[in-house]
Amino acid sequence: MTDLQALHDATHTMVMGVLNITEDSFSDGGLWLDPAKAAQHGRDMMAAGADIIDIGAESTRPGAKRVSEADDDELARITGAVKTLIPAGAVLSIDTTRASVAAAALSEGAQIINDVSGGTLDAELPHVVADHDCLYIVQHWRGWLAGSKGANPDQDTSVYEHGVLTDVHDELMRQVDGVLAAGVKPERIIIDPGLGFSKPGIEHNLPLLTGLETFRATGYPVLIGQSRKRFISAMLNEAGAAGADGPIMAQRDDVTAALSALSAEHGAWAVRVHDVAKSRAAVIAGNTWREYA
């Protein structure tokens, strides 16, 4: 059985591997729809050094449309993967905004709920978490992207009047207050500034990374989810390092790993990544650097 308090209070940065069981996730949609392939990918990430596997079955990429709850696709895909990976010894995080999916996954043995809406899309989800002994990742996001306008899906939710670091911190802490009011224990909460969510540009994301200590000062462990995000491609394009068709995935993963090392050096609880092997090596370097700093 997983020691949840030890997991919550981990002193070294961990690696969370992404398992997207979706048709349309931005970098690997459709690759792991087959249940056997999904389970094998989860085991492969564990073998590569993932401390946690984060399973999601609804894409939150820019412009994505919501999966119908009535169709049960999200529920079936997630519970199927949980049933396969728990016997393999996996620590599982469930990337969902729905109380029904969270409850089913927790009943099958999942240990963490990763709610990218931070308790705002389904008011029952924090109550489900409060009724189970699990960890709860509360992420900052200003709303589902389907309501956005124009070529940039986030352009109407990415104005930060007091600066992105201040506004994200304050808004995220209000989300945490709501989760606490629903009965979730503070020692079960992890926070995530939500890189890329309502934050399309370099200018929205790098201040959150360089300001990591601001989030750590809240007393809550901090998850960083930088992997393959749009701002990484923008960084490569600005530096002239990308080809005519934009950065290749290996380049995105190289930058992701570099940011993983920096996040570990500055005390992140975990980094959420697609390429576990690259970021595992980077996190080891960052953790070691922190020991000697």
Protein backbone atom coordinates (compact mmCIF):
# COMPACT_ATOMS: atom_id res chain seq x y z
CA MET A 1 0.00 0.00 0.00
CA THR A 2 1.28 3.48 -0.91
CA ASP A 3 2.29 5.72 1.98
CA LEU A 4 0.38 8.81 0.88
CA GLN A 5 1.94 11.13 3.42
CA ALA A 6 5.45 10.08 2.41
CA LEU A 7 4.46 10.61 -1.23
CA HIS A 8 3.05 14.05 -0.46
CA ASP A 9 6.11 15.04 1.57
CA ALA A 10 8.73 13.69 -0.84
CA THR A 11 12.03 15.52 -0.39
CA HIS A 12 13.35 14.82 -3.88
CA THR A 13 11.62 15.81 -7.12
CA MET A 14 9.78 12.90 -8.74
CA VAL A 15 8.92 12.09 -12.35
CA MET A 16 5.28 11.71 -13.40
CA GLY A 17 4.86 9.96 -16.74
CA VAL A 18 1.96 10.95 -19.01
CA LEU A 19 -0.37 8.21 -20.28
CA ASN A 20 -2.89 9.80 -22.66
CA ILE A 21 -5.63 7.37 -23.65
CA THR A 22 -7.19 9.84 -26.09
CA GLU A 23 -7.76 10.35 -29.80
CA ASP A 24 -6.68 13.98 -29.89
CA SER A 25 -4.04 14.87 -27.30
CA PHE A 26 -1.66 17.36 -28.90
CA SER A 27 1.49 15.21 -29.04
CA ASP A 28 0.45 11.57 -28.75
CA GLY A 29 -3.28 11.35 -29.39
CA GLY A 30 -4.35 7.91 -30.59
CA LEU A 31 -1.10 6.12 -29.78
CA TRP A 32 -2.34 4.39 -26.63
CA LEU A 33 -6.06 3.88 -27.32
CA ASP A 34 -5.64 0.12 -27.49
CA PRO A 35 -5.88 -1.14 -23.86
CA ALA A 36 -2.92 -3.49 -24.25
CA LYS A 37 -0.75 -0.71 -25.72
CA ALA A 38 -1.81 1.67 -22.96
CA ALA A 39 -0.89 -0.83 -20.26
CA GLN A 40 2.45 -1.59 -21.90
CA HIS A 41 3.28 2.09 -22.23
CA GLY A 42 2.54 2.54 -18.56
CA ARG A 43 4.86 -0.35 -17.65
CA ASP A 44 7.54 1.00 -20.01
CA MET A 45 7.44 4.39 -18.27
CA MET A 46 7.74 2.69 -14.90
CA ALA A 47 10.77 0.77 -16.17
CA ALA A 48 12.26 4.07 -17.42
CA GLY A 49 12.02 5.54 -13.93
CA ALA A 50 8.58 7.10 -13.61
CA ASP A 51 7.58 7.42 -9.95
CA ILE A 52 3.95 8.13 -10.87
CA ILE A 53 1.84 7.40 -13.95
CA ASP A 54 -0.74 10.08 -14.80
CA ILE A 55 -3.65 8.59 -16.77
CA GLY A 56 -5.96 10.84 -18.76
CA ALA A 57 -8.75 10.05 -21.22
CA GLU A 58 -9.95 13.54 -22.16
CA SER A 59 -7.75 15.93 -24.10
CA THR A 60 -7.26 19.45 -22.76
CA ARG A 61 -5.20 20.68 -25.71
CA PRO A 62 -6.06 24.11 -27.14
CA GLY A 63 -9.37 23.91 -28.96
CA ALA A 64 -10.30 20.48 -27.60
CA LYS A 65 -13.98 19.66 -27.11
CA ARG A 66 -15.25 17.89 -24.02
CA VAL A 67 -15.77 14.12 -24.03
CA SER A 68 -19.38 13.23 -23.31
CA GLU A 69 -19.81 11.86 -19.80
CA ALA A 70 -22.82 9.86 -20.96
CA ASP A 71 -20.72 7.83 -23.41
CA ASP A 72 -18.58 6.42 -20.56
CA ASP A 73 -15.46 6.45 -22.80
CA GLU A 74 -13.37 8.35 -20.26
CA LEU A 75 -14.54 6.12 -17.41
CA ALA A 76 -13.93 2.85 -19.26
CA ARG A 77 -10.48 3.81 -20.54
CA ILE A 78 -9.24 5.02 -17.18
CA THR A 79 -10.59 2.20 -15.05
CA GLY A 80 -9.27 -0.34 -17.55
CA ALA A 81 -5.76 1.09 -17.27
CA VAL A 82 -5.97 1.33 -13.48
CA LYS A 83 -6.99 -2.32 -13.16
CA THR A 84 -3.98 -3.33 -15.25
CA LEU A 85 -1.32 -1.09 -13.72
CA ILE A 86 -2.15 -1.31 -10.01
CA PRO A 87 -1.14 -5.01 -9.88
CA ALA A 88 2.15 -3.97 -11.55
CA GLY A 89 2.90 -1.78 -8.53
CA ALA A 90 2.17 1.57 -10.14
CA VAL A 91 1.42 4.76 -8.24
CA LEU A 92 -1.41 6.22 -10.31
CA SER A 93 -2.61 9.77 -10.79
CA ILE A 94 -5.92 10.25 -12.59
CA ASP A 95 -6.16 13.28 -14.86
CA THR A 96 -9.88 14.04 -14.74
CA THR A 97 -12.27 16.85 -13.96
CA ARG A 98 -15.24 14.54 -13.29
CA ALA A 99 -16.37 13.26 -9.92
CA SER A 100 -17.77 10.04 -11.40
CA VAL A 101 -14.45 9.13 -13.04
CA ALA A 102 -12.47 10.04 -9.95
CA ALA A 103 -14.67 7.92 -7.68
CA ALA A 104 -14.43 4.89 -9.95
CA ALA A 105 -10.65 5.15 -10.32
CA LEU A 106 -10.11 5.59 -6.58
CA SER A 107 -12.26 2.55 -5.87
CA GLU A 108 -9.96 0.54 -8.17
CA GLY A 109 -6.85 1.65 -6.26
CA ALA A 110 -5.66 4.94 -7.81
CA GLN A 111 -3.88 7.14 -5.27
CA ILE A 112 -3.98 10.67 -6.77
CA ILE A 113 -6.55 12.83 -8.53
CA ASN A 114 -5.08 15.43 -10.90
CA ASP A 115 -7.81 18.01 -11.53
CA VAL A 116 -6.71 20.52 -14.17
CA SER A 117 -9.74 22.67 -13.34
CA GLY A 118 -8.71 22.95 -9.70
CA GLY A 119 -12.14 22.00 -8.44
CA THR A 120 -14.08 24.40 -10.67
CA LEU A 121 -15.60 22.23 -13.44
CA ASP A 122 -17.32 19.65 -11.23
CA ALA A 123 -18.27 20.89 -7.77
CA GLU A 124 -18.64 17.30 -6.56
CA LEU A 125 -15.07 16.31 -7.36
CA PRO A 126 -13.47 17.86 -4.25
CA HIS A 127 -16.12 16.12 -2.14
CA VAL A 128 -15.23 12.77 -3.73
CA VAL A 129 -11.58 13.42 -2.87
CA ALA A 130 -12.53 14.38 0.69
CA ASP A 131 -14.34 11.06 1.07
CA HIS A 132 -11.28 9.04 -0.02
CA ASP A 133 -7.75 8.81 1.29
CA CYS A 134 -5.88 10.13 -1.72
CA LEU A 135 -3.82 13.09 -2.87
CA TYR A 136 -5.42 15.93 -4.83
CA ILE A 137 -3.57 18.06 -7.38
CA VAL A 138 -5.25 21.47 -7.68
CA GLN A 139 -4.25 23.20 -10.91
CA HIS A 140 -4.75 26.79 -12.02
CA TRP A 141 -6.88 27.28 -15.12
CA ARG A 142 -9.37 29.98 -16.00
CA GLY A 143 -11.83 27.81 -17.91
CA TRP A 144 -12.42 25.29 -20.65
CA LEU A 145 -10.97 26.39 -23.99
CA ALA A 146 -14.15 25.88 -26.00
CA GLY A 147 -15.29 29.37 -24.96
CA SER A 148 -12.22 31.06 -26.40
CA LYS A 149 -12.22 33.23 -29.50
CA GLY A 150 -9.88 33.82 -32.39
CA ALA A 151 -6.84 32.00 -33.69
CA ASN A 152 -5.27 31.83 -30.22
CA PRO A 153 -7.55 29.64 -28.06
CA ASP A 154 -6.42 31.37 -24.85
CA GLN A 155 -6.39 34.99 -25.94
CA ASP A 156 -9.49 35.92 -23.93
CA THR A 157 -8.31 34.23 -20.70
CA SER A 158 -4.64 35.19 -20.65
CA VAL A 159 -4.68 38.82 -19.50
CA TYR A 160 -3.01 39.06 -16.08
CA GLU A 161 -3.72 42.51 -14.67
CA HIS A 162 -1.23 42.33 -11.79
CA GLY A 163 1.35 40.20 -13.57
CA VAL A 164 1.08 36.50 -14.32
CA LEU A 165 2.95 35.33 -11.21
CA THR A 166 0.84 37.37 -8.79
CA ASP A 167 -2.48 36.64 -10.44
CA VAL A 168 -1.90 32.91 -10.88
CA HIS A 169 -0.73 32.59 -7.27
CA ASP A 170 -3.75 34.48 -5.91
CA GLU A 171 -6.28 32.69 -8.13
CA LEU A 172 -4.77 29.30 -7.34
CA MET A 173 -4.93 29.97 -3.61
CA ARG A 174 -8.62 30.84 -3.96
CA GLN A 175 -9.12 27.52 -5.70
CA VAL A 176 -7.33 25.80 -2.81
CA ASP A 177 -9.62 27.61 -0.35
CA GLY A 178 -12.62 26.17 -2.18
CA VAL A 179 -11.18 22.67 -2.06
CA LEU A 180 -10.45 23.00 1.66
CA ALA A 181 -14.03 24.18 2.22
CA ALA A 182 -15.22 20.96 0.55
CA GLY A 183 -13.38 18.95 3.21
CA VAL A 184 -10.10 18.05 1.53
CA LYS A 185 -7.30 17.93 4.10
CA PRO A 186 -4.42 20.36 3.51
CA GLU A 187 -1.87 17.57 3.94
CA ARG A 188 -3.38 15.87 0.87
CA ILE A 189 -3.15 18.88 -1.48
CA ILE A 190 -0.55 19.50 -4.19
CA ILE A 191 -0.68 22.64 -6.32
CA ASP A 192 0.12 23.19 -10.00
CA PRO A 193 0.44 26.65 -11.61
CA GLY A 194 -0.91 25.18 -14.84
CA LEU A 195 1.73 25.95 -17.45
CA GLY A 196 0.05 26.37 -20.83
CA PHE A 197 -3.46 26.56 -19.39
CA SER A 198 -4.78 30.09 -20.06
CA LYS A 199 -1.09 30.86 -20.66
CA PRO A 200 -0.19 30.58 -24.34
CA GLY A 201 3.11 32.48 -24.54
CA ILE A 202 6.65 32.45 -23.24
CA GLU A 203 5.82 35.57 -21.24
CA HIS A 204 3.06 33.71 -19.40
CA ASN A 205 5.02 30.58 -18.51
CA LEU A 206 8.65 31.42 -17.78
CA PRO A 207 7.72 33.82 -14.95
CA LEU A 208 5.91 30.93 -13.26
CA LEU A 209 8.98 28.71 -13.56
CA THR A 210 11.41 31.37 -12.39
CA GLY A 211 8.96 32.20 -9.60
CA LEU A 212 8.61 28.61 -8.40
CA GLU A 213 9.59 29.64 -4.87
CA THR A 214 6.47 31.81 -4.70
CA PHE A 215 4.34 28.70 -5.00
CA ARG A 216 6.55 26.62 -2.70
CA ALA A 217 6.19 29.34 -0.06
CA THR A 218 2.51 28.41 0.27
CA GLY A 219 3.61 25.22 2.04
CA TYR A 220 2.04 22.97 -0.59
CA PRO A 221 4.14 20.69 -2.84
CA VAL A 222 4.29 22.01 -6.42
CA LEU A 223 3.81 19.97 -9.61
CA ILE A 224 5.29 21.38 -12.82
CA GLY A 225 3.75 20.26 -16.12
CA GLN A 226 5.93 21.78 -18.83
CA SER A 227 6.23 18.85 -21.21
CA ARG A 228 6.02 19.68 -24.93
CA LYS A 229 3.97 22.82 -24.26
CA ARG A 230 3.44 25.58 -26.84
CA PHE A 231 5.82 27.96 -25.13
CA ILE A 232 8.65 25.45 -25.58
CA SER A 233 8.07 25.48 -29.33
CA ALA A 234 7.96 29.28 -29.22
CA MET A 235 11.31 29.36 -27.43
CA LEU A 236 12.89 27.15 -30.08
CA ASN A 237 11.36 29.17 -32.91
CA GLU A 238 12.59 32.46 -31.43
CA ALA A 239 16.09 31.04 -31.09
CA GLY A 240 16.07 29.91 -34.71
CA ALA A 241 16.57 26.31 -33.58
CA ALA A 242 13.50 24.89 -35.30
CA GLY A 243 13.13 23.80 -38.89
CA ALA A 244 10.69 25.18 -41.45
CA ASP A 245 7.94 22.98 -40.03
CA GLY A 246 8.66 23.93 -36.42
CA PRO A 247 10.48 22.04 -33.68
CA ILE A 248 10.57 18.27 -33.90
CA MET A 249 9.35 16.33 -30.85
CA ALA A 250 12.88 15.37 -29.80
CA GLN A 251 13.74 19.07 -29.52
CA ARG A 252 10.68 19.71 -27.35
CA ASP A 253 11.67 16.79 -25.14
CA ASP A 254 15.24 18.12 -24.81
CA VAL A 255 13.93 21.49 -23.59
CA THR A 256 11.41 19.72 -21.37
CA ALA A 257 14.28 17.80 -19.76
CA ALA A 258 16.28 20.98 -19.22
CA LEU A 259 13.30 22.56 -17.49
CA SER A 260 12.86 19.36 -15.46
CA ALA A 261 16.42 19.74 -14.16
CA LEU A 262 15.81 23.37 -13.22
CA SER A 263 12.49 22.51 -11.58
CA ALA A 264 14.17 19.80 -9.50
CA GLU A 265 17.00 22.14 -8.55
CA HIS A 266 14.42 24.62 -7.24
CA GLY A 267 12.36 22.11 -5.30
CA ALA A 268 9.41 21.03 -7.43
CA TRP A 269 7.49 18.08 -5.99
CA ALA A 270 7.33 16.40 -9.41
CA VAL A 271 7.56 17.10 -13.13
CA ARG A 272 4.88 15.75 -15.46
CA VAL A 273 6.49 14.59 -18.73
CA HIS A 274 5.99 12.47 -21.84
CA ASP A 275 9.60 11.32 -22.30
CA VAL A 276 10.34 9.77 -18.92
CA ALA A 277 13.89 8.63 -19.62
CA LYS A 278 15.17 12.09 -20.61
CA SER A 279 13.54 13.86 -17.71
CA ARG A 280 14.49 11.14 -15.23
CA ALA A 281 18.17 11.77 -15.94
CA ALA A 282 17.60 15.52 -15.76
CA VAL A 283 15.75 15.28 -12.44
CA ILE A 284 18.54 13.19 -10.94
CA ALA A 285 20.96 15.97 -11.89
CA GLY A 286 18.67 18.64 -10.45
CA ASN A 287 18.11 16.74 -7.21
CA THR A 288 21.85 16.22 -6.80
CA TRP A 289 22.54 19.89 -7.51
CA ARG A 290 20.04 20.85 -4.80
CA GLU A 291 21.84 18.62 -2.27
CA TYR A 292 25.11 20.46 -2.85
CA ALA A 293 23.72 23.99 -3.26
